[in-house]
C-alpha cells in the first residue's frame, strides 16, 4: 500500500468514526441564552424611559450626558444585530450538529478553493490508483449563504461540480461540501473587493460565520505570509475561544530539471525545509507579538503545497506527496475531528454564550468613561461656582449703592420740600433693589460659568434691611461781636467841674459783647443714610449668594447626576445578570 493511500485511509477512518459518534448526537442548546434578549431589552427600557431626553442646552454636562445616550443607542443597535446573529448562529449549529464544521478562511488568492477541492477528492476520484475516495459518492457542493449573484461552483469536463478556482476573488458565498462526518466550509477571501451585484460585504460575511464553526483553518500565501489584515483574525478567533490552524499555502517554487531527452524543463519543488520553518516560526512569533493575549497553545502553523500534492497523485509519487505537506494536514485534521467530537460540539454553544456575554460586558465597560465625563463636568462647574460668592457680593454692593443713590435723590428732594419719608417704605424698596440685583448678578455669573444656564429665580427671602431715617439736616451758627458806645460821665477834678459849671459835658466809651445765633439748612443726611445701608447690603448679599449658589449646586445638575447614577446602577445590574448566565 502506497503512502498516499495509507494517509487517505487513515483520514477517512477517523472521519467515519466521528460520523458514527455524531449520528447519535443531538445538540441540546441551553435555554439560558434565550434570556439574554430580555435582559438587554429591559436595560434599554430602564435607561431610555427616564433619561432619553434631548438636551436643549450646550453645557459640558448636557453634552456629556447626550454623548453617553447617543453612544448607548448606537451600542443597543449593535446588540440587536448580535441577537439576530446569535439566532442565526444557533440555527446554523443545529443544522450542522451531525458534522464537525471546519471553516477555511484567509486572504484573496490564498488557495482556499484549491485546498477545498483537494479534500473533496477532485484529484483522488480520477487518480491512476485505487483509493478510499473512489468507494464513496462524490460530495455534493451546497451554498449556505451567498453574497454575490455569480456562481462559485464550476463543473469540469466530466460534469462534476467543484469549487471554482482562479487567480482573483472568485468565491462570493459561504459554501460547503460534506465528507463523511466532516463539513468543509469555503468562504470569500478576506479583503475581497466588492463587485456590482454583491449583496453583502465579503469580509463581514466571513466574520459572521467564524464564531459558529468547530474549527478554523486560516490560510496564508507563502509569498506574503502574516499580513497585518490577516493577523487581526487571530485576535478575533482567540477572543471567541476558537481553535485555528495556520496553513501557509503555495510553499513551493519553480526549479529547472532535465527531461528524459535531456531538455531543460521547469518543475515544481517544495521550498526548503529551513525556509518553511522560518516562515512558520515567524508567523507564530508575530501573532504573539501583535496580540499578546492570543493563546499560543491553540495556534500552530504548517506549510503545504496543494499543487505538489496534486502532481504527486497524478504521478503516484509518495515522496512528492510527503513534500507537499498535505499528509501532515490530513493527519492533524483527522486527529482534531476524531478527538472527542461530541465534547467539541457541546462546547460550541457554551463558548458562544460566554463570548456574547463578554462582548456585552465589554460594551458596558466603555460607558464608564462617558459617565466619568458627566461627573467631571459637574465637579468642575461646582468648583467654579464656589469662587463666585466674593465677586457677586462686590458687584451687588456697587450696583445697589448706585441704584439706591438714584432713588435717594428723589427721597432727598421730598424731604427738602418738607415731606416725611416712611422708613419702612425705604427699607422695602432697598430690599427689593437688593434682591433684584442679587438675582440678576447670580444669573449673570452662572451664565458665564455654565454656557446655557437657564435663569432661575431665587426663592424670596425677606431681607432684614433697616434703613436710617432720611431727614433734613440743619446747623446753628453763632456770631459773637463787641459793641462800643459813648455815655455821659460826671466831671472829674477842679477844672472839669469849673468847665461843667459853664455847660461843658464829659463822655466815656463803654464796650458790650454780643452773640447772635443763625440756623443753617445743611440739606439731608443722605451720605450717613447710604453708609448705614451698605454693611447690611454686603452681609445680606454674601449670605444669600452663598445660600443660592449652594442650592443651585445641589439642584441644577441633579437630573443628570441622577441619570449617571441610574445608568451605573442599571449597568451593574445587567453585568450581574449576564455573568450569572455564563458557563
Protein backbone atom coordinates (compact mmCIF):
# COMPACT_ATOMS: atom_id res chain seq x y z
CA UNK A 1 0.00 0.00 0.00
CA UNK A 2 1.43 3.37 -1.00
CA UNK A 3 1.92 6.18 1.49
CA UNK A 4 -0.74 8.30 -0.23
CA UNK A 5 -3.36 5.51 0.00
CA UNK A 6 -2.47 4.84 3.63
CA UNK A 7 -2.77 8.53 4.52
CA UNK A 8 -6.18 8.80 2.87
CA UNK A 9 -7.44 5.57 4.51
CA UNK A 10 -6.39 6.79 7.98
CA UNK A 11 -8.04 10.13 7.34
CA UNK A 12 -11.34 8.52 6.36
CA UNK A 13 -11.14 6.06 9.23
CA UNK A 14 -11.19 8.99 11.65
CA UNK A 15 -13.92 10.81 9.71
CA UNK A 16 -16.11 7.71 9.66
CA UNK A 17 -15.64 7.15 13.38
CA UNK A 18 -16.66 10.73 14.07
CA UNK A 19 -19.66 10.34 11.80
CA UNK A 20 -20.78 7.33 13.81
CA UNK A 21 -20.36 9.20 17.09
CA UNK A 22 -22.25 12.25 15.89
CA UNK A 23 -25.06 10.16 14.37
CA UNK A 24 -26.34 9.55 17.92
CA UNK A 25 -25.73 13.14 18.99
CA UNK A 26 -28.40 15.79 19.27
CA UNK A 27 -27.45 19.34 20.09
CA UNK A 28 -29.26 20.44 23.23
CA UNK A 29 -28.84 24.21 23.13
CA UNK A 30 -29.00 25.60 26.64
CA UNK A 31 -32.06 27.78 27.17
CA UNK A 32 -30.22 30.31 29.25
CA UNK A 33 -29.10 32.10 26.09
CA UNK A 34 -32.77 32.85 25.41
CA UNK A 35 -32.82 35.08 28.49
CA UNK A 36 -30.22 37.48 27.11
CA UNK A 37 -32.52 39.40 24.68
CA UNK A 38 -34.99 40.04 27.52
CA UNK A 39 -32.25 41.31 29.83
CA UNK A 40 -30.91 43.65 27.15
CA UNK A 41 -34.39 44.92 26.29
CA UNK A 42 -35.16 45.63 29.96
CA UNK A 43 -31.88 47.50 30.30
CA UNK A 44 -32.67 49.60 27.23
CA UNK A 45 -36.14 50.49 28.50
CA UNK A 46 -34.95 51.32 32.02
CA UNK A 47 -32.30 53.70 30.68
CA UNK A 48 -34.20 55.45 27.91
CA UNK A 49 -37.59 55.57 29.64
CA UNK A 50 -36.28 58.00 32.26
CA UNK A 51 -33.24 59.53 30.63
CA UNK A 52 -33.66 59.68 26.88
CA UNK A 53 -34.18 63.39 26.77
CA UNK A 54 -32.69 65.61 24.13
CA UNK A 55 -30.74 68.41 25.74
CA UNK A 56 -31.79 71.93 24.88
CA UNK A 57 -28.55 73.32 26.29
CA UNK A 58 -24.94 73.15 25.40
CA UNK A 59 -23.06 72.99 28.67
CA UNK A 60 -20.45 70.31 29.24
CA UNK A 61 -22.71 68.24 31.49
CA UNK A 62 -25.50 68.14 28.93
CA UNK A 63 -23.06 67.39 26.13
CA UNK A 64 -21.51 64.53 28.11
CA UNK A 65 -24.93 63.14 29.01
CA UNK A 66 -26.16 63.39 25.44
CA UNK A 67 -22.99 61.75 24.16
CA UNK A 68 -23.46 58.83 26.54
CA UNK A 69 -27.07 58.43 25.39
CA UNK A 70 -26.08 58.58 21.73
CA UNK A 71 -23.28 56.06 22.30
CA UNK A 72 -25.62 53.80 24.21
CA UNK A 73 -28.24 53.99 21.49
CA UNK A 74 -25.62 53.00 18.91
CA UNK A 75 -24.47 50.08 21.06
CA UNK A 76 -28.05 48.94 21.66
CA UNK A 77 -28.44 48.76 17.89
CA UNK A 78 -25.36 46.55 17.69
CA UNK A 79 -26.90 44.34 20.39
CA UNK A 80 -29.90 43.85 18.14
CA UNK A 81 -27.52 42.77 15.39
CA UNK A 82 -25.73 40.44 17.79
CA UNK A 83 -29.00 38.90 18.93
CA UNK A 84 -30.03 38.30 15.32
CA UNK A 85 -26.60 36.85 14.53
CA UNK A 86 -26.86 34.63 17.58
CA UNK A 87 -30.28 33.38 16.47
CA UNK A 88 -28.93 32.70 13.00
CA UNK A 89 -25.84 31.06 14.51
CA UNK A 90 -27.87 28.70 16.66
CA UNK A 91 -29.83 27.63 13.60
CA UNK A 92 -26.51 27.00 11.83
CA UNK A 93 -25.23 24.95 14.79
CA UNK A 94 -28.43 22.90 14.91
CA UNK A 95 -28.32 22.31 11.17
CA UNK A 96 -24.75 21.02 11.39
CA UNK A 97 -24.98 19.09 14.65
CA UNK A 98 -24.18 15.78 12.92
CA UNK A 99 -20.93 17.10 11.47
CA UNK A 100 -17.75 18.69 12.64
CA UNK A 101 -17.70 22.03 10.87
CA UNK A 102 -14.31 23.21 9.64
CA UNK A 103 -14.20 26.64 8.04
CA UNK A 104 -11.45 27.73 5.67
CA UNK A 105 -10.71 31.42 5.52
CA UNK A 106 -7.93 33.76 4.56
CA UNK A 107 -6.97 36.48 2.13
CA UNK A 108 -7.79 36.54 -1.55
CA UNK A 109 -5.57 34.19 -3.62
CA UNK A 110 -4.50 32.21 -0.55
CA UNK A 111 -5.67 28.97 -2.19
CA UNK A 112 -8.87 28.20 -0.23
CA UNK A 113 -10.85 26.78 -3.14
CA UNK A 114 -7.89 24.70 -4.35
CA UNK A 115 -7.39 23.18 -0.91
CA UNK A 116 -11.14 22.53 -0.62
CA UNK A 117 -11.21 20.70 -3.93
CA UNK A 118 -8.24 18.60 -2.82
CA UNK A 119 -10.07 17.42 0.32
CA UNK A 120 -13.28 16.95 -1.67
CA UNK A 121 -11.30 14.42 -3.77
CA UNK A 122 -11.09 16.20 -7.12
CA UNK A 123 -7.74 14.54 -7.87
CA UNK A 124 -8.39 11.34 -5.94
CA UNK A 125 -11.55 10.44 -7.85
CA UNK A 126 -9.54 10.48 -11.08
CA UNK A 127 -6.29 9.12 -9.68
CA UNK A 128 -4.50 6.29 -11.55
CA UNK A 129 -4.72 4.15 -8.40
CA UNK A 130 -7.49 2.85 -6.20
CA UNK A 131 -8.20 4.84 -3.02
CA UNK A 132 -10.93 5.46 -0.47
CA UNK A 133 -12.46 8.36 -2.39
CA UNK A 134 -13.43 6.01 -5.22
CA UNK A 135 -15.51 3.99 -2.75
CA UNK A 136 -17.80 6.86 -1.78
CA UNK A 137 -20.23 9.09 -3.58
CA UNK A 138 -18.82 12.32 -4.78
CA UNK A 139 -19.57 15.08 -2.28
CA UNK A 140 -22.39 17.46 -3.01
CA UNK A 141 -21.47 21.13 -3.07
CA UNK A 142 -24.01 23.48 -1.50
CA UNK A 143 -24.32 27.16 -0.67
CA UNK A 144 -25.15 28.22 2.88
CA UNK A 145 -25.42 31.92 2.08
CA UNK A 146 -24.45 33.89 -0.98
CA UNK A 147 -23.21 37.43 -1.05
CA UNK A 148 -22.71 37.58 -4.80
CA UNK A 149 -25.06 36.86 -7.68
CA UNK A 150 -22.48 34.88 -9.67
CA UNK A 151 -21.69 31.24 -9.23
CA UNK A 152 -18.96 29.93 -7.01
CA UNK A 153 -19.09 26.35 -8.30
CA UNK A 154 -17.80 25.08 -11.61
CA UNK A 155 -18.43 21.85 -13.48
CA UNK A 156 -15.48 20.05 -15.03
CA UNK A 157 -15.44 18.23 -18.36
CA UNK A 158 -16.98 15.17 -16.69
CA UNK A 159 -19.88 17.19 -15.32
CA UNK A 160 -18.66 17.02 -11.73
CA UNK A 161 -19.07 20.13 -9.56
CA UNK A 162 -16.17 21.69 -7.63
CA UNK A 163 -15.25 24.96 -6.03
CA UNK A 164 -14.31 27.48 -8.69
CA UNK A 165 -10.60 28.20 -8.63
CA UNK A 166 -8.99 31.32 -10.00
CA UNK A 167 -6.41 33.98 -9.52
CA UNK A 168 -8.97 36.55 -8.42
CA UNK A 169 -11.55 36.55 -5.64
CA UNK A 170 -13.96 34.15 -7.30
CA UNK A 171 -15.73 32.98 -4.15
CA UNK A 172 -18.62 35.16 -3.02
CA UNK A 173 -20.51 32.79 -0.75
CA UNK A 174 -20.37 30.60 2.31
CA UNK A 175 -20.37 27.21 0.58
CA UNK A 176 -19.60 23.71 1.66
CA UNK A 177 -19.38 20.01 0.95
CA UNK A 178 -19.76 17.07 3.31
CA UNK A 179 -17.22 14.31 3.62
CA UNK A 180 -18.39 11.59 5.99
CA UNK A 181 -18.62 13.34 9.41
CA UNK A 182 -16.75 16.41 8.20
CA UNK A 183 -18.43 19.52 6.79
CA UNK A 184 -15.88 21.60 4.92
CA UNK A 185 -16.88 25.27 4.55
CA UNK A 186 -15.24 27.50 1.99
CA UNK A 187 -15.51 31.30 2.31
CA UNK A 188 -14.84 34.51 0.37
CA UNK A 189 -11.36 35.93 0.61
CA UNK A 190 -10.95 38.42 3.42
CA UNK A 191 -10.34 41.85 1.98
CA UNK A 192 -12.08 40.89 -1.27
CA UNK A 193 -13.01 43.85 -3.45
CA UNK A 194 -16.73 44.41 -3.81
CA UNK A 195 -18.40 43.78 -7.13
CA UNK A 196 -21.54 45.05 -8.77
CA UNK A 197 -24.40 42.90 -7.57
CA UNK A 198 -22.82 41.97 -4.21
CA UNK A 199 -25.48 41.76 -1.54
CA UNK A 200 -23.01 41.62 1.34
CA UNK A 201 -19.55 42.75 2.23
CA UNK A 202 -17.33 39.70 1.77
CA UNK A 203 -15.28 40.21 4.95
CA UNK A 204 -18.43 40.73 7.02
CA UNK A 205 -19.87 37.54 5.57
CA UNK A 206 -16.81 35.59 6.69
CA UNK A 207 -16.80 37.07 10.19
CA UNK A 208 -20.46 36.26 10.65
CA UNK A 209 -19.81 32.51 10.41
CA UNK A 210 -16.41 32.23 12.07
CA UNK A 211 -17.79 32.04 15.58
CA UNK A 212 -20.21 29.21 14.80
CA UNK A 213 -17.74 26.73 13.37
CA UNK A 214 -15.99 23.99 15.33
CA UNK A 215 -12.55 24.66 13.93
CA UNK A 216 -10.90 27.16 11.60
CA UNK A 217 -8.13 26.69 9.09
CA UNK A 218 -6.55 30.01 8.27
CA UNK A 219 -4.64 30.15 5.01
CA UNK A 220 -1.74 32.48 4.25
CA UNK A 221 0.08 32.71 0.97
CA UNK A 222 3.76 31.85 1.48
CA UNK A 223 4.75 34.74 -0.77
CA UNK A 224 3.31 37.26 1.71
CA UNK A 225 2.59 35.49 4.99
CA UNK A 226 1.47 37.26 8.12
CA UNK A 227 -0.09 40.37 6.61
CA UNK A 228 -1.49 42.71 9.27
CA UNK A 229 -5.02 42.40 7.90
CA UNK A 230 -4.73 38.62 8.11
CA UNK A 231 -3.40 38.64 11.64
CA UNK A 232 -6.33 40.50 13.13
CA UNK A 233 -8.39 37.35 12.65
CA UNK A 234 -6.09 35.57 15.07
CA UNK A 235 -7.17 38.01 17.76
CA UNK A 236 -10.83 37.59 16.90
CA UNK A 237 -10.56 33.80 16.99
CA UNK A 238 -8.71 33.89 20.28
CA UNK A 239 -11.29 36.25 21.76
CA UNK A 240 -14.03 33.87 20.66
CA UNK A 241 -12.19 30.95 22.25
CA UNK A 242 -11.75 29.35 18.85
CA UNK A 243 -9.01 26.98 17.78
CA UNK A 244 -7.29 27.61 14.49
CA UNK A 245 -4.62 26.06 12.33
CA UNK A 246 -2.47 28.44 10.31
CA UNK A 247 -1.66 26.90 6.94
CA UNK A 248 0.97 28.55 4.75
CA UNK A 249 -0.06 27.68 1.22
CA UNK A 250 1.86 27.62 -2.06
CA UNK A 251 5.02 26.65 -0.23
CA UNK A 252 6.71 25.65 -3.43
CA UNK A 253 8.87 27.14 -6.15
CA UNK A 254 9.78 26.57 -9.78
CA UNK A 255 13.10 24.86 -10.48
CA UNK A 256 14.92 23.62 -13.57
CA UNK A 257 15.41 19.95 -14.39
CA UNK A 258 16.09 17.74 -17.40
CA UNK A 259 13.54 15.51 -19.03
CA UNK A 260 14.30 12.05 -20.38
CA UNK A 261 15.64 13.61 -23.56
CA UNK A 262 17.97 15.93 -21.66
CA UNK A 263 15.92 19.05 -22.31
CA UNK A 264 15.67 21.71 -19.61
CA UNK A 265 12.20 21.89 -18.12
CA UNK A 266 10.59 23.82 -15.28
CA UNK A 267 9.48 21.66 -12.38
CA UNK A 268 7.67 22.44 -9.14
CA UNK A 269 9.62 21.65 -6.00
CA UNK A 270 8.97 22.32 -2.32
CA UNK A 271 10.56 25.28 -0.64
CA UNK A 272 13.48 24.16 1.56
CA UNK A 273 12.54 22.84 5.00
CA UNK A 274 14.57 25.63 6.62
CA UNK A 275 12.63 28.29 4.70
CA UNK A 276 9.35 26.68 5.67
CA UNK A 277 10.30 26.50 9.37
CA UNK A 278 11.45 30.12 9.37
CA UNK A 279 8.13 31.25 7.91
CA UNK A 280 6.13 29.12 10.34
CA UNK A 281 8.10 30.37 13.36
CA UNK A 282 7.95 33.96 12.15
CA UNK A 283 4.19 33.91 11.74
CA UNK A 284 3.61 32.41 15.19
CA UNK A 285 6.02 34.92 16.69
CA UNK A 286 4.36 37.89 15.01
CA UNK A 287 0.90 36.74 16.01
CA UNK A 288 2.08 36.53 19.61
CA UNK A 289 3.85 39.92 19.48
CA UNK A 290 0.90 41.66 17.82
CA UNK A 291 -1.72 40.07 20.03
CA UNK A 292 -0.13 39.02 23.36
CA UNK A 293 -3.48 37.82 24.66
CA UNK A 294 -3.72 35.15 21.95
CA UNK A 295 -3.44 31.65 23.40
CA UNK A 296 -0.37 30.26 21.62
CA UNK A 297 -1.39 26.71 22.55
CA UNK A 298 -4.40 26.98 20.25
CA UNK A 299 -2.41 28.08 17.23
CA UNK A 300 0.24 26.39 15.16
CA UNK A 301 1.46 26.81 11.61
CA UNK A 302 2.34 24.29 8.89
CA UNK A 303 3.43 24.74 5.27
CA UNK A 304 1.74 22.99 2.34
CA UNK A 305 1.64 22.97 -1.45
CA UNK A 306 -1.66 21.80 -2.95
CA UNK A 307 -0.11 21.95 -6.40
CA UNK A 308 2.65 19.50 -5.34
CA UNK A 309 0.07 17.17 -3.79
CA UNK A 310 -1.96 17.15 -7.00
CA UNK A 311 1.16 16.34 -9.03
CA UNK A 312 2.05 13.61 -6.54
CA UNK A 313 -1.35 11.97 -7.01
CA UNK A 314 -1.08 12.10 -10.80
CA UNK A 315 2.42 10.64 -10.67
CA UNK A 316 1.77 8.24 -7.75
CA UNK A 317 4.79 9.83 -6.08
CA UNK A 318 4.82 9.22 -2.31
CA UNK A 319 7.86 11.40 -1.74
CA UNK A 320 6.36 14.36 -3.54
CA UNK A 321 3.16 13.85 -1.56
CA UNK A 322 5.15 14.00 1.69
CA UNK A 323 6.96 17.09 0.40
CA UNK A 324 3.60 18.77 -0.23
CA UNK A 325 2.76 18.74 3.48
CA UNK A 326 -0.80 17.64 2.78
CA UNK A 327 -0.17 14.36 4.60
CA UNK A 328 0.52 16.36 7.79
CA UNK A 329 -2.58 18.48 7.29
CA UNK A 330 -4.76 15.38 6.77
CA UNK A 331 -3.32 13.79 9.90
CA UNK A 332 -3.77 16.94 12.01
CA UNK A 333 -7.30 17.44 10.76
CA UNK A 334 -8.13 13.76 11.24
CA UNK A 335 -6.85 13.86 14.81
CA UNK A 336 -8.80 17.01 15.54
CA UNK A 337 -12.10 15.79 14.19
CA UNK A 338 -11.86 12.39 15.90
CA UNK A 339 -10.69 13.80 19.22
CA UNK A 340 -13.88 13.78 21.28
CA UNK A 341 -16.07 15.31 18.60
CA UNK A 342 -19.17 15.27 20.81
CA UNK A 343 -17.44 17.31 23.51
CA UNK A 344 -16.42 19.81 20.85
CA UNK A 345 -19.99 20.11 19.60
CA UNK A 346 -21.34 20.53 23.12
CA UNK A 347 -18.77 23.15 23.98
CA UNK A 348 -19.52 25.36 20.99
CA UNK A 349 -22.85 26.87 22.19
CA UNK A 350 -21.37 27.40 25.65
CA UNK A 351 -18.37 29.13 24.19
CA UNK A 352 -20.62 31.33 22.09
CA UNK A 353 -22.83 32.30 25.02
CA UNK A 354 -19.78 33.20 27.11
CA UNK A 355 -18.39 35.18 24.20
CA UNK A 356 -21.71 37.01 23.73
CA UNK A 357 -21.85 37.89 27.44
CA UNK A 358 -18.22 39.05 27.44
CA UNK A 359 -18.89 41.20 24.38
CA UNK A 360 -21.85 42.96 26.01
CA UNK A 361 -19.95 43.46 29.27
CA UNK A 362 -17.06 44.92 27.27
CA UNK A 363 -19.52 47.34 25.64
CA UNK A 364 -20.81 48.37 29.07
CA UNK A 365 -17.29 48.97 30.32
CA UNK A 366 -16.82 51.57 27.59
CA UNK A 367 -19.58 53.66 29.18
CA UNK A 368 -17.60 54.16 32.38
CA UNK A 369 -15.65 56.86 30.57
CA UNK A 370 -18.89 58.56 29.45
CA UNK A 371 -20.29 58.61 32.97
CA UNK A 372 -16.97 59.81 34.36
CA UNK A 373 -17.12 62.70 31.88
CA UNK A 374 -20.52 63.73 33.26
CA UNK A 375 -19.24 63.61 36.84
CA UNK A 376 -16.08 65.53 35.92
CA UNK A 377 -18.08 68.29 34.19
CA UNK A 378 -20.42 68.64 37.19
CA UNK A 379 -17.44 68.75 39.56
CA UNK A 380 -15.74 71.49 37.52
CA UNK A 381 -18.87 73.62 37.37
CA UNK A 382 -19.39 73.30 41.11
CA UNK A 383 -15.79 74.26 41.76
CA UNK A 384 -16.21 77.35 39.57
CA UNK A 385 -19.41 78.25 41.42
CA UNK A 386 -17.52 78.12 44.71
CA UNK A 387 -15.39 81.02 43.50
CA UNK A 388 -18.36 83.23 42.61
CA UNK A 389 -19.54 84.47 46.02
CA UNK A 390 -16.91 87.18 46.56
CA UNK A 391 -17.32 88.52 43.02
CA UNK A 392 -21.11 88.56 43.32
CA UNK A 393 -21.00 90.43 46.65
CA UNK A 394 -18.62 93.09 45.25
CA UNK A 395 -20.76 93.65 42.16
CA UNK A 396 -24.06 93.67 44.05
CA UNK A 397 -22.74 96.16 46.61
CA UNK A 398 -21.69 98.53 43.83
CA UNK A 399 -24.93 98.14 41.86
CA UNK A 400 -27.16 98.50 44.92
CA UNK A 401 -25.37 101.63 46.09
CA UNK A 402 -25.73 103.15 42.64
CA UNK A 403 -29.43 102.26 42.40
CA UNK A 404 -30.26 103.32 45.94
CA UNK A 405 -28.35 106.56 45.46
CA UNK A 406 -30.51 107.34 42.44
CA UNK A 407 -33.69 106.64 44.42
CA UNK A 408 -32.38 108.54 47.42
CA UNK A 409 -32.04 111.69 45.35
CA UNK A 410 -35.81 111.69 44.83
CA UNK A 411 -36.42 110.99 48.51
CA UNK A 412 -34.00 113.78 49.31
CA UNK A 413 -35.96 116.29 47.26
CA UNK A 414 -39.15 115.31 49.01
CA UNK A 415 -37.59 115.73 52.41
CA UNK A 416 -36.20 119.11 51.42
CA UNK A 417 -39.69 120.16 50.49
CA UNK A 418 -40.74 119.23 53.96
CA UNK A 419 -42.24 115.80 53.26
CA UNK A 420 -41.58 112.94 55.63
CA UNK A 421 -40.45 109.60 54.12
CA UNK A 422 -41.63 106.47 55.91
CA UNK A 423 -38.64 104.36 56.97
CA UNK A 424 -40.50 101.08 56.31
CA UNK A 425 -41.16 102.22 52.75
CA UNK A 426 -37.49 102.99 52.26
CA UNK A 427 -36.45 99.62 53.77
CA UNK A 428 -38.88 97.78 51.48
CA UNK A 429 -37.62 99.50 48.36
CA UNK A 430 -33.99 98.96 49.31
CA UNK A 431 -34.74 95.28 49.96
CA UNK A 432 -36.37 94.88 46.53
CA UNK A 433 -33.47 96.61 44.80
CA UNK A 434 -31.06 94.34 46.64
CA UNK A 435 -32.94 91.15 45.81
CA UNK A 436 -33.33 92.10 42.15
CA UNK A 437 -29.66 92.99 41.76
CA UNK A 438 -28.57 89.86 43.61
CA UNK A 439 -30.73 87.60 41.46
CA UNK A 440 -29.56 89.37 38.30
CA UNK A 441 -25.89 89.08 39.29
CA UNK A 442 -26.15 85.40 40.25
CA UNK A 443 -27.75 84.56 36.91
CA UNK A 444 -25.17 86.66 35.05
CA UNK A 445 -22.25 84.91 36.74
CA UNK A 446 -23.85 81.49 36.32
CA UNK A 447 -24.24 82.07 32.59
CA UNK A 448 -20.54 82.87 32.42
CA UNK A 449 -19.70 79.58 34.10
CA UNK A 450 -22.41 77.37 32.60
CA UNK A 451 -22.82 78.09 28.91
CA UNK A 452 -26.58 77.56 28.63
CA UNK A 453 -27.62 78.37 32.18
CA UNK A 454 -31.39 78.82 32.38
CA UNK A 455 -32.39 81.80 34.57
CA UNK A 456 -33.63 80.50 37.88
CA UNK A 457 -35.31 82.97 40.25
CA UNK A 458 -34.06 82.88 43.80
CA UNK A 459 -36.52 81.92 46.44
CA UNK A 460 -37.94 85.08 48.05
CA UNK A 461 -36.33 85.79 51.38
CA UNK A 462 -37.31 88.85 53.40
CA UNK A 463 -34.16 90.83 53.85
CA UNK A 464 -33.72 92.41 57.25
CA UNK A 465 -32.57 95.76 55.93
CA UNK A 466 -33.10 98.59 58.40
CA UNK A 467 -32.61 101.99 56.81
CA UNK A 468 -31.77 105.01 58.90
CA UNK A 469 -34.24 107.92 58.87
CA UNK A 470 -33.74 110.22 55.93
CA UNK A 471 -34.37 113.80 57.23
CA UNK A 472 -33.40 117.39 56.83
CA UNK A 473 -30.18 118.34 58.48
CA UNK A 474 -29.52 121.84 59.95
CA UNK A 475 -26.74 123.56 61.87
CA UNK A 476 -26.91 126.59 64.29
CA UNK A 477 -24.18 129.11 63.66
CA UNK A 478 -23.24 131.62 66.47
CA UNK A 479 -21.64 135.05 65.84
CA UNK A 480 -20.07 136.92 68.79
CA UNK A 481 -19.02 140.61 68.47
CA UNK A 482 -18.13 143.64 70.67
CA UNK A 483 -20.27 146.82 70.50
CA UNK A 484 -18.80 150.21 71.62
CA UNK A 485 -20.96 153.23 72.63
CA UNK A 486 -20.49 156.63 74.39
CA UNK A 487 -22.22 157.62 77.63
CA UNK A 488 -22.01 160.84 79.70
CA UNK A 489 -19.89 160.85 82.81
CA UNK A 490 -19.56 163.20 85.74
CA UNK A 491 -16.67 165.68 85.68
CA UNK A 492 -13.51 164.76 87.41
CA UNK A 493 -11.23 167.22 89.11
CA UNK A 494 -11.47 171.01 89.73
CA UNK A 495 -11.03 172.10 86.18
CA UNK A 496 -13.73 169.82 84.79
CA UNK A 497 -16.06 170.96 87.50
CA UNK A 498 -15.40 174.62 86.60
CA UNK A 499 -16.00 173.97 82.98
CA UNK A 500 -19.00 171.87 83.77
CA UNK A 501 -20.40 174.93 85.57
CA UNK A 502 -20.21 176.78 82.34
CA UNK A 503 -22.10 173.92 80.44
CA UNK A 504 -19.28 171.50 79.35
CA UNK A 505 -20.32 167.78 79.13
CA UNK A 506 -17.97 164.89 79.54
CA UNK A 507 -18.31 161.37 77.99
CA UNK A 508 -16.79 157.88 78.23
CA UNK A 509 -16.72 154.85 75.84
CA UNK A 510 -18.14 151.61 77.02
CA UNK A 511 -17.95 148.16 75.33
CA UNK A 512 -20.54 145.35 75.19
CA UNK A 513 -20.04 141.73 73.86
CA UNK A 514 -22.98 140.24 71.96
CA UNK A 515 -23.66 136.73 70.47
CA UNK A 516 -26.14 136.14 67.65
CA UNK A 517 -27.43 132.70 66.53
CA UNK A 518 -28.43 131.58 62.98
CA UNK A 519 -29.93 128.22 61.83
CA UNK A 520 -28.40 127.00 58.54
CA UNK A 521 -30.08 124.36 56.24
CA UNK A 522 -27.49 121.64 55.50
CA UNK A 523 -29.75 119.54 53.23
CA UNK A 524 -30.35 115.89 54.28
CA UNK A 525 -28.33 113.10 55.92
CA UNK A 526 -28.03 111.21 52.59
CA UNK A 527 -24.41 110.11 53.00
CA UNK A 528 -24.97 108.78 56.51
CA UNK A 529 -28.11 107.07 55.21
CA UNK A 530 -26.20 105.28 52.45
CA UNK A 531 -23.23 104.42 54.68
CA UNK A 532 -25.53 102.79 57.22
CA UNK A 533 -27.12 100.64 54.47
CA UNK A 534 -24.00 99.22 52.81
CA UNK A 535 -22.79 96.88 55.59
CA UNK A 536 -26.29 95.38 55.75
CA UNK A 537 -26.39 95.07 51.95
CA UNK A 538 -23.00 93.36 51.91
CA UNK A 539 -23.91 90.93 54.69
CA UNK A 540 -27.22 90.04 53.09
CA UNK A 541 -25.67 89.67 49.63
CA UNK A 542 -22.96 87.42 50.98
CA UNK A 543 -25.39 85.17 52.84
CA UNK A 544 -27.94 84.99 50.04
CA UNK A 545 -25.35 84.47 47.30
CA UNK A 546 -23.79 81.64 49.26
CA UNK A 547 -27.19 80.10 50.01
CA UNK A 548 -28.46 80.47 46.45
CA UNK A 549 -25.28 79.05 44.90
CA UNK A 550 -25.35 76.13 47.33
CA UNK A 551 -28.94 75.47 46.34
CA UNK A 552 -28.07 75.68 42.64
CA UNK A 553 -25.13 73.33 43.13
CA UNK A 554 -27.41 70.81 44.74
CA UNK A 555 -30.35 71.12 42.36
CA UNK A 556 -29.20 72.39 38.95
CA UNK A 557 -27.39 69.21 37.91
CA UNK A 558 -29.48 66.79 39.93
CA UNK A 559 -31.26 65.40 36.84
CA UNK A 560 -28.03 64.49 35.08
CA UNK A 561 -26.38 63.27 38.27
CA UNK A 562 -29.37 61.01 38.82
CA UNK A 563 -29.09 59.89 35.21
CA UNK A 564 -25.43 58.92 35.67
CA UNK A 565 -26.22 57.21 38.98
CA UNK A 566 -29.17 55.35 37.46
CA UNK A 567 -27.15 54.33 34.42
CA UNK A 568 -24.34 52.96 36.60
CA UNK A 569 -26.87 51.04 38.64
CA UNK A 570 -28.55 49.56 35.58
CA UNK A 571 -25.17 48.63 34.07
CA UNK A 572 -24.10 46.88 37.27
CA UNK A 573 -27.42 45.08 37.43
CA UNK A 574 -27.10 43.92 33.81
CA UNK A 575 -23.47 42.84 34.37
CA UNK A 576 -24.53 40.70 37.30
CA UNK A 577 -27.44 39.13 35.44
CA UNK A 578 -25.28 38.35 32.39
CA UNK A 579 -22.42 36.90 34.44
CA UNK A 580 -24.90 34.61 36.16
CA UNK A 581 -25.73 33.11 32.74
CA UNK A 582 -22.13 32.24 31.83
CA UNK A 583 -20.85 28.69 31.89
